[in-house]
Amino acid sequence: MTLHEPTLFVLLLLGYAMLGLQLVTASRRLFGGEALRGWGLGNSLMLAGYLFLLVDVVAPQPVWVVASNGLIVLGEFVFVAALQRFVDQAPPPRWLVMGGLACALSMAPLMMLATPTRMAIMSLIAAAPLAWGGWLVVRQWREAERSLRPVGAMLALVAATLLIRCVHAVLQPSAYVDMTQPNPVQTLVAGAAYVALLGAGFGFVLACTERASRSLERLASHDHLTGALNRQAAEPLLAQALRRARRGGACVAFVLIDLDRFKQVNDRHGHVFGDEVLRRFAQTVRTRLRASDLLVRLGGEEFALVLPDSDAAGARRVLEQLRGDCREMGLHTEAGQACPVSFSAGIALSPQGRVDGEALYRAADGALYAAKRGGRDRAVLAGADETIPA
């Protein structure tokens, strides 16, 4: 059975028009609005390209063939550029933009070739950006949003059908001499383009929605300045770590950290530099933590560490390493003045998870103040007279 190609083209036009309306509405509110606007521009170019296919009765064939294919290929490159901007969260590479313009302009000289040869080359050119778009998604398969996977699959589907048409035009050139005769491969390409419109276009909008949702979830659970967990998000994770410790008979170490004389840093060098100190300190701490450890910003210059399967010796070791790392951070003010960073810490332990989170916090808080009274730049273990000196 051969589908009616004009009907497919009408469906494509309606689909691109509907998608364009949705993109205009969504790009104003969703995360990744610039990528969505790029996708919308590609959608408009594709819509214009398919419209030119309907004016063959009022315009010479070379005009509408060059215009329609040029706009469609350019729209594909704009689609893929928007996809790369979304995936990499950076402007697309210059070669992709220039390649799209070059391929679109190449449609005019291709008109000098025989129709079967021209169809084969055009199919190959049109397949290239779509195959690259599919590769972009495969490259980020685990990290990217799940909604993006159908986008890559649909782009790869259309690229495959275009390659089939390229091979068919080479092997069966007689099927492309008269473009008005029924051609099942042409029908396959048109059908795949329609399916890809639904799968890729609306899938891209869903991916933007998913990323916006993830961004909101992260904002709700993480400190925006340092990227550390906030206290509200950390409390259930601490409770979970204590439950696992009770089941496995392990020990959980809870550490409160306070940067020494941080108020003086803000007063002398300004809050912008103070924020940089907090960011660098958090980055330094993360390099010393395991995947199971938690870094929490409690507020101001106060942080907390949750160290599952760690005893006093393990907590001491982490803090000693951090103290050395802080000395090597090499922070300097705009005036070139060195700004050394040190901290005081209080350590509390929950053997076999028997001490709950609230009691751990109180014990670590008391040990922290003992460290401050002892001269700062040191750590104190709660319930012991042991101090880790500077």
Protein backbone atom coordinates (compact mmCIF):
# COMPACT_ATOMS: atom_id res chain seq x y z
CA MET A 1 0.00 0.00 0.00
CA THR A 2 1.29 3.47 -0.96
CA LEU A 3 0.22 6.41 1.16
CA HIS A 4 -1.01 9.58 -0.49
CA GLU A 5 2.04 11.86 -0.45
CA PRO A 6 0.13 15.19 -0.70
CA THR A 7 -1.84 14.15 2.38
CA LEU A 8 1.42 13.50 4.23
CA PHE A 9 2.70 16.94 3.24
CA VAL A 10 -0.46 18.57 4.53
CA LEU A 11 -0.07 16.67 7.81
CA LEU A 12 3.55 17.83 8.01
CA LEU A 13 2.50 21.45 7.52
CA LEU A 14 -0.18 21.20 10.20
CA GLY A 15 2.21 19.43 12.56
CA TYR A 16 4.97 22.02 12.16
CA ALA A 17 2.45 24.83 12.62
CA MET A 18 1.14 23.27 15.85
CA LEU A 19 4.66 22.62 17.13
CA GLY A 20 5.70 26.17 16.31
CA LEU A 21 2.80 27.53 18.36
CA GLN A 22 3.76 25.33 21.31
CA LEU A 23 7.43 26.36 21.08
CA VAL A 24 6.55 30.05 21.10
CA THR A 25 4.44 29.52 24.23
CA ALA A 26 6.88 27.22 26.04
CA SER A 27 10.11 29.13 25.34
CA ARG A 28 8.97 32.04 27.50
CA ARG A 29 8.64 29.97 30.64
CA LEU A 30 10.79 26.85 30.42
CA PHE A 31 14.43 26.34 31.31
CA GLY A 32 16.56 26.31 28.16
CA GLY A 33 14.51 29.03 26.50
CA GLU A 34 17.34 29.95 24.11
CA ALA A 35 17.60 26.36 22.88
CA LEU A 36 13.82 26.25 22.52
CA ARG A 37 13.87 29.44 20.49
CA GLY A 38 16.51 27.87 18.27
CA TRP A 39 14.33 24.80 17.83
CA GLY A 40 11.42 27.15 17.02
CA LEU A 41 13.52 28.87 14.33
CA GLY A 42 14.39 25.49 12.83
CA ASN A 43 10.71 24.58 12.94
CA SER A 44 9.84 27.79 11.05
CA LEU A 45 12.47 27.11 8.38
CA MET A 46 11.19 23.55 7.91
CA LEU A 47 7.61 24.83 7.67
CA ALA A 48 8.64 27.36 5.03
CA GLY A 49 10.53 24.65 3.14
CA TYR A 50 7.49 22.38 2.97
CA LEU A 51 5.30 25.32 1.93
CA PHE A 52 7.57 25.85 -1.08
CA LEU A 53 6.82 22.28 -2.16
CA LEU A 54 3.21 23.36 -2.69
CA VAL A 55 3.99 26.27 -5.04
CA ASP A 56 5.27 24.18 -7.92
CA VAL A 57 2.22 25.22 -9.94
CA VAL A 58 3.06 28.96 -9.82
CA ALA A 59 6.88 28.95 -9.78
CA PRO A 60 9.51 27.34 -12.04
CA GLN A 61 10.75 24.00 -10.76
CA PRO A 62 14.36 25.12 -10.13
CA VAL A 63 13.11 27.93 -7.89
CA TRP A 64 10.88 25.91 -5.61
CA VAL A 65 13.22 22.90 -5.51
CA VAL A 66 16.20 25.03 -4.46
CA ALA A 67 14.16 27.09 -1.99
CA SER A 68 12.37 24.16 -0.38
CA ASN A 69 15.39 21.90 -0.04
CA GLY A 70 17.65 24.75 1.08
CA LEU A 71 15.22 25.82 3.81
CA ILE A 72 14.62 22.23 4.96
CA VAL A 73 18.35 21.47 5.22
CA LEU A 74 19.02 24.78 6.96
CA GLY A 75 16.16 24.02 9.38
CA GLU A 76 17.75 20.65 10.17
CA PHE A 77 21.07 22.29 11.02
CA VAL A 78 19.29 24.85 13.22
CA PHE A 79 17.48 21.98 14.99
CA VAL A 80 20.75 20.22 15.68
CA ALA A 81 22.46 23.45 16.78
CA ALA A 82 19.64 24.00 19.29
CA LEU A 83 19.98 20.40 20.47
CA GLN A 84 23.75 20.79 20.94
CA ARG A 85 23.21 24.04 22.87
CA PHE A 86 20.78 22.19 25.16
CA VAL A 87 22.95 19.10 25.65
CA ASP A 88 26.29 20.88 26.12
CA GLN A 89 24.77 24.00 27.76
CA ALA A 90 27.06 26.09 25.54
CA PRO A 91 26.78 27.81 22.15
CA PRO A 92 27.01 25.35 19.24
CA PRO A 93 30.36 25.09 17.45
CA ARG A 94 30.98 27.52 14.60
CA TRP A 95 31.52 24.68 12.13
CA LEU A 96 27.96 23.50 12.65
CA VAL A 97 26.51 26.93 11.82
CA MET A 98 28.78 27.46 8.82
CA GLY A 99 28.15 23.90 7.63
CA GLY A 100 24.41 24.52 7.63
CA LEU A 101 24.76 27.67 5.52
CA ALA A 102 27.12 25.93 3.09
CA CYS A 103 24.81 22.94 2.66
CA ALA A 104 21.77 25.17 2.13
CA LEU A 105 23.61 27.22 -0.52
CA SER A 106 24.80 24.04 -2.26
CA MET A 107 21.23 23.28 -3.33
CA ALA A 108 21.48 25.75 -6.25
CA PRO A 109 24.50 24.20 -8.06
CA LEU A 110 23.03 20.73 -7.50
CA MET A 111 20.21 21.67 -9.89
CA MET A 112 22.66 21.25 -12.77
CA LEU A 113 22.85 17.51 -12.08
CA ALA A 114 20.46 14.83 -13.27
CA THR A 115 17.47 14.34 -10.97
CA PRO A 116 18.47 10.88 -9.62
CA THR A 117 22.03 12.08 -8.86
CA ARG A 118 20.69 15.26 -7.29
CA MET A 119 18.29 13.28 -5.08
CA ALA A 120 21.07 10.99 -3.89
CA ILE A 121 23.38 13.89 -2.96
CA MET A 122 20.57 15.92 -1.36
CA SER A 123 19.54 12.91 0.71
CA LEU A 124 23.11 12.45 1.90
CA ILE A 125 23.42 16.14 2.83
CA ALA A 126 20.09 16.13 4.67
CA ALA A 127 21.00 12.96 6.60
CA ALA A 128 24.29 14.38 7.93
CA PRO A 129 22.98 16.89 10.54
CA LEU A 130 20.28 14.49 11.71
CA ALA A 131 22.84 11.72 12.24
CA TRP A 132 24.97 14.18 14.22
CA GLY A 133 21.95 15.07 16.35
CA GLY A 134 21.36 11.41 17.11
CA TRP A 135 25.02 11.04 18.09
CA LEU A 136 24.76 14.03 20.46
CA VAL A 137 22.05 12.24 22.42
CA VAL A 138 23.87 8.88 22.41
CA ARG A 139 27.02 10.62 23.65
CA GLN A 140 25.14 11.91 26.70
CA TRP A 141 22.83 8.92 27.05
CA ARG A 142 23.22 8.46 30.81
CA GLU A 143 23.56 12.09 31.84
CA ALA A 144 20.90 13.63 29.60
CA GLU A 145 17.20 13.80 30.39
CA ARG A 146 15.24 10.64 29.58
CA SER A 147 12.84 12.69 27.46
CA LEU A 148 15.75 13.52 25.16
CA ARG A 149 16.25 9.89 24.14
CA PRO A 150 13.24 9.79 21.76
CA VAL A 151 14.56 12.99 20.19
CA GLY A 152 17.83 11.30 19.27
CA ALA A 153 16.00 8.17 18.13
CA MET A 154 13.68 10.13 15.84
CA LEU A 155 16.50 12.14 14.30
CA ALA A 156 18.41 8.91 13.67
CA LEU A 157 15.25 7.38 12.12
CA VAL A 158 14.90 10.16 9.56
CA ALA A 159 18.66 10.05 8.84
CA ALA A 160 18.35 6.31 8.15
CA THR A 161 15.40 6.79 5.75
CA LEU A 162 17.30 9.53 3.90
CA LEU A 163 20.28 7.20 3.52
CA ILE A 164 17.92 4.53 2.18
CA ARG A 165 16.65 7.04 -0.39
CA CYS A 166 20.23 7.92 -1.31
CA VAL A 167 21.07 4.26 -1.98
CA HIS A 168 17.76 3.72 -3.79
CA ALA A 169 18.39 6.70 -6.08
CA VAL A 170 21.82 5.29 -6.97
CA LEU A 171 20.57 1.74 -7.57
CA GLN A 172 17.21 2.65 -9.14
CA PRO A 173 17.69 6.01 -10.88
CA SER A 174 14.64 5.41 -13.08
CA ALA A 175 12.41 5.79 -9.99
CA TYR A 176 13.50 9.44 -9.65
CA VAL A 177 13.32 10.66 -13.24
CA ASP A 178 9.65 11.60 -12.94
CA MET A 179 9.00 12.91 -9.41
CA THR A 180 5.23 12.72 -9.89
CA GLN A 181 5.21 8.92 -10.16
CA PRO A 182 4.46 6.88 -6.99
CA ASN A 183 7.60 6.01 -5.06
CA PRO A 184 7.44 3.92 -1.86
CA VAL A 185 10.82 5.22 -0.66
CA GLN A 186 9.66 8.83 -1.03
CA THR A 187 6.56 7.89 0.94
CA LEU A 188 8.78 6.28 3.59
CA VAL A 189 10.82 9.49 3.93
CA ALA A 190 7.70 11.64 4.22
CA GLY A 191 6.17 9.30 6.80
CA ALA A 192 9.37 9.18 8.84
CA ALA A 193 9.55 12.99 8.75
CA TYR A 194 6.04 13.19 10.18
CA VAL A 195 6.76 10.66 12.94
CA ALA A 196 10.02 12.44 13.73
CA LEU A 197 8.15 15.72 14.03
CA LEU A 198 6.02 14.29 16.81
CA GLY A 199 8.81 12.33 18.50
CA ALA A 200 11.61 14.90 18.26
CA GLY A 201 9.74 18.18 18.49
CA PHE A 202 7.48 17.40 21.38
CA GLY A 203 10.18 15.25 23.00
CA PHE A 204 12.48 18.28 23.02
CA VAL A 205 9.83 20.33 24.81
CA LEU A 206 9.43 17.51 27.36
CA ALA A 207 13.22 17.42 27.87
CA CYS A 208 13.20 21.15 28.63
CA THR A 209 10.35 20.57 31.08
CA GLU A 210 12.27 17.73 32.73
CA ARG A 211 15.39 19.87 33.05
CA ALA A 212 13.36 22.72 34.54
CA SER A 213 11.90 20.30 37.09
CA ARG A 214 15.35 18.96 37.99
CA SER A 215 16.67 22.49 38.33
CA LEU A 216 13.86 23.41 40.71
CA GLU A 217 14.46 20.26 42.74
CA ARG A 218 18.14 21.09 43.03
CA LEU A 219 17.40 24.67 44.05
CA ALA A 220 15.09 23.33 46.75
CA SER A 221 17.69 20.92 48.14
CA HIS A 222 21.03 22.65 47.52
CA ASP A 223 22.64 25.91 48.53
CA HIS A 224 22.85 28.10 45.43
CA LEU A 225 26.24 29.60 46.34
CA THR A 226 28.30 26.54 47.22
CA GLY A 227 26.29 23.67 45.72
CA ALA A 228 26.24 21.93 49.12
CA LEU A 229 23.07 20.35 50.45
CA ASN A 230 20.90 22.58 52.60
CA ARG A 231 19.83 21.50 56.07
CA GLN A 232 16.28 20.62 55.07
CA ALA A 233 17.49 18.18 52.41
CA ALA A 234 20.31 16.77 54.57
CA GLU A 235 18.21 15.78 57.59
CA PRO A 236 16.40 12.83 55.93
CA LEU A 237 19.68 11.70 54.34
CA LEU A 238 21.37 11.72 57.76
CA ALA A 239 18.47 9.71 59.19
CA GLN A 240 18.83 7.24 56.33
CA ALA A 241 22.58 6.89 56.99
CA LEU A 242 21.85 6.20 60.68
CA ARG A 243 19.29 3.51 59.80
CA ARG A 244 21.82 1.79 57.54
CA ALA A 245 24.41 1.99 60.33
CA ARG A 246 21.98 0.31 62.74
CA ARG A 247 21.34 -2.51 60.30
CA GLY A 248 25.01 -3.00 59.46
CA GLY A 249 26.51 -2.24 62.86
CA ALA A 250 28.66 0.57 61.44
CA CYS A 251 29.55 3.99 62.85
CA VAL A 252 28.53 7.38 61.44
CA ALA A 253 30.68 10.46 62.04
CA PHE A 254 29.01 13.88 62.08
CA VAL A 255 31.24 16.94 61.81
CA LEU A 256 30.40 20.60 62.27
CA ILE A 257 32.83 23.03 60.60
CA ASP A 258 33.05 26.78 61.11
CA LEU A 259 35.46 28.96 59.12
CA ASP A 260 37.66 30.93 61.50
CA ARG A 261 37.17 34.72 61.69
CA PHE A 262 35.08 34.75 58.55
CA LYS A 263 33.29 37.95 59.60
CA GLN A 264 36.63 39.75 59.38
CA VAL A 265 37.04 38.51 55.80
CA ASN A 266 33.70 40.07 54.83
CA ASP A 267 34.42 43.28 56.72
CA ARG A 268 37.92 43.77 55.26
CA HIS A 269 37.51 42.46 51.71
CA GLY A 270 33.79 42.63 51.00
CA HIS A 271 31.02 40.08 50.68
CA VAL A 272 31.83 39.26 47.04
CA PHE A 273 35.25 37.99 48.08
CA GLY A 274 33.66 36.28 51.09
CA ASP A 275 31.34 34.40 48.75
CA GLU A 276 34.35 33.29 46.70
CA VAL A 277 35.99 31.97 49.87
CA LEU A 278 32.87 29.92 50.65
CA ARG A 279 32.69 28.55 47.10
CA ARG A 280 36.36 27.57 47.05
CA PHE A 281 36.13 25.98 50.48
CA ALA A 282 33.12 23.88 49.41
CA GLN A 283 34.93 22.80 46.23
CA THR A 284 37.98 21.81 48.29
CA VAL A 285 35.88 19.78 50.72
CA ARG A 286 34.14 17.90 47.90
CA THR A 287 37.46 16.70 46.51
CA ARG A 288 38.10 14.86 49.81
CA LEU A 289 34.71 13.20 50.19
CA ARG A 290 33.55 9.80 49.07
CA ALA A 291 30.38 9.29 47.04
CA SER A 292 28.51 8.28 50.21
CA ASP A 293 29.63 11.34 52.21
CA LEU A 294 27.49 14.46 52.49
CA LEU A 295 28.48 18.13 52.54
CA VAL A 296 25.88 20.44 54.06
CA ARG A 297 25.82 24.21 54.36
CA LEU A 298 23.96 25.10 57.53
CA GLY A 299 24.18 28.85 57.02
CA GLY A 300 26.77 31.60 56.82
CA GLU A 301 30.22 30.08 57.22
CA GLU A 302 29.02 26.92 59.00
CA PHE A 303 29.10 23.55 57.25
CA ALA A 304 28.47 19.95 58.27
CA LEU A 305 29.86 16.63 57.08
CA VAL A 306 28.07 13.30 57.31
CA LEU A 307 30.59 10.48 57.02
CA PRO A 308 28.97 7.01 56.96
CA ASP A 309 31.12 4.03 57.95
CA SER A 310 33.62 6.37 59.63
CA ASP A 311 34.93 6.39 63.18
CA ALA A 312 36.92 9.07 65.04
CA ALA A 313 40.13 8.14 63.22
CA GLY A 314 38.43 8.43 59.83
CA ALA A 315 36.95 11.82 60.66
CA ARG A 316 40.33 13.04 61.96
CA ARG A 317 42.02 11.91 58.77
CA VAL A 318 39.54 13.80 56.57
CA LEU A 319 39.89 16.98 58.65
CA GLU A 320 43.68 16.82 58.64
CA GLN A 321 43.65 16.52 54.85
CA LEU A 322 41.21 19.40 54.55
CA ARG A 323 43.33 21.58 56.78
CA GLY A 324 46.30 21.03 54.48
CA ASP A 325 44.17 21.63 51.39
CA CYS A 326 42.90 24.93 52.82
CA ARG A 327 46.45 26.15 53.34
CA GLU A 328 47.16 25.44 49.67
CA MET A 329 44.06 27.12 48.23
CA GLY A 330 46.07 30.24 47.51
CA LEU A 331 43.24 32.74 47.83
CA HIS A 332 44.21 36.35 47.11
CA THR A 333 42.17 39.53 47.24
CA GLU A 334 41.93 41.94 44.31
CA ALA A 335 44.75 43.91 45.92
CA GLY A 336 46.93 40.79 45.81
CA GLN A 337 46.81 40.18 49.56
CA ALA A 338 46.93 36.52 50.60
CA CYS A 339 43.90 35.30 52.51
CA PRO A 340 44.65 32.09 54.45
CA VAL A 341 41.65 29.95 55.38
CA SER A 342 41.39 27.85 58.52
CA PHE A 343 38.49 26.23 60.32
CA SER A 344 37.38 24.84 63.66
CA ALA A 345 35.49 21.57 63.84
CA GLY A 346 33.48 19.48 66.25
CA ILE A 347 33.17 15.71 65.75
CA ALA A 348 30.35 13.54 67.09
CA LEU A 349 29.98 9.80 66.59
CA SER A 350 26.98 7.52 66.33
CA PRO A 351 28.24 3.94 66.91
CA GLN A 352 25.89 1.47 65.21
CA GLY A 353 23.56 4.40 64.50
CA ARG A 354 22.33 4.52 68.09
CA VAL A 355 22.67 8.32 68.45
CA ASP A 356 19.98 10.17 66.51
CA GLY A 357 20.52 13.21 64.31
CA GLU A 358 19.44 15.82 66.84
CA ALA A 359 21.71 14.42 69.53
CA LEU A 360 24.59 14.25 67.06
CA TYR A 361 24.12 17.92 66.18
CA ARG A 362 24.10 18.99 69.84
CA ALA A 363 27.21 16.96 70.61
CA ALA A 364 29.10 18.23 67.55
CA ASP A 365 28.01 21.81 68.30
CA GLY A 366 29.40 21.58 71.82
CA ALA A 367 32.67 20.15 70.51
CA LEU A 368 32.86 22.93 67.91
CA TYR A 369 32.62 25.65 70.55
CA ALA A 370 35.23 23.83 72.60
CA ALA A 371 37.52 24.00 69.53
CA LYS A 372 36.90 27.74 69.25
CA ARG A 373 37.60 28.31 72.93
CA GLY A 374 40.77 26.28 72.54
CA GLY A 375 42.19 28.75 70.03
CA ARG A 376 40.48 27.84 66.71
CA ASP A 377 42.10 26.05 63.75
CA ARG A 378 41.56 22.71 65.47
CA ALA A 379 38.98 19.94 65.92
CA VAL A 380 37.50 18.48 69.10
CA LEU A 381 35.90 15.07 69.49
CA ALA A 382 32.67 15.19 71.49
CA GLY A 383 32.78 13.25 74.73
CA ALA A 384 36.56 13.10 74.79
CA ASP A 385 39.35 15.37 75.86
CA GLU A 386 41.08 14.85 72.55
CA THR A 387 41.90 17.82 70.33
CA ILE A 388 43.36 17.78 66.85
CA PRO A 389 45.73 20.76 67.05
CA ALA A 390 46.54 23.15 64.24
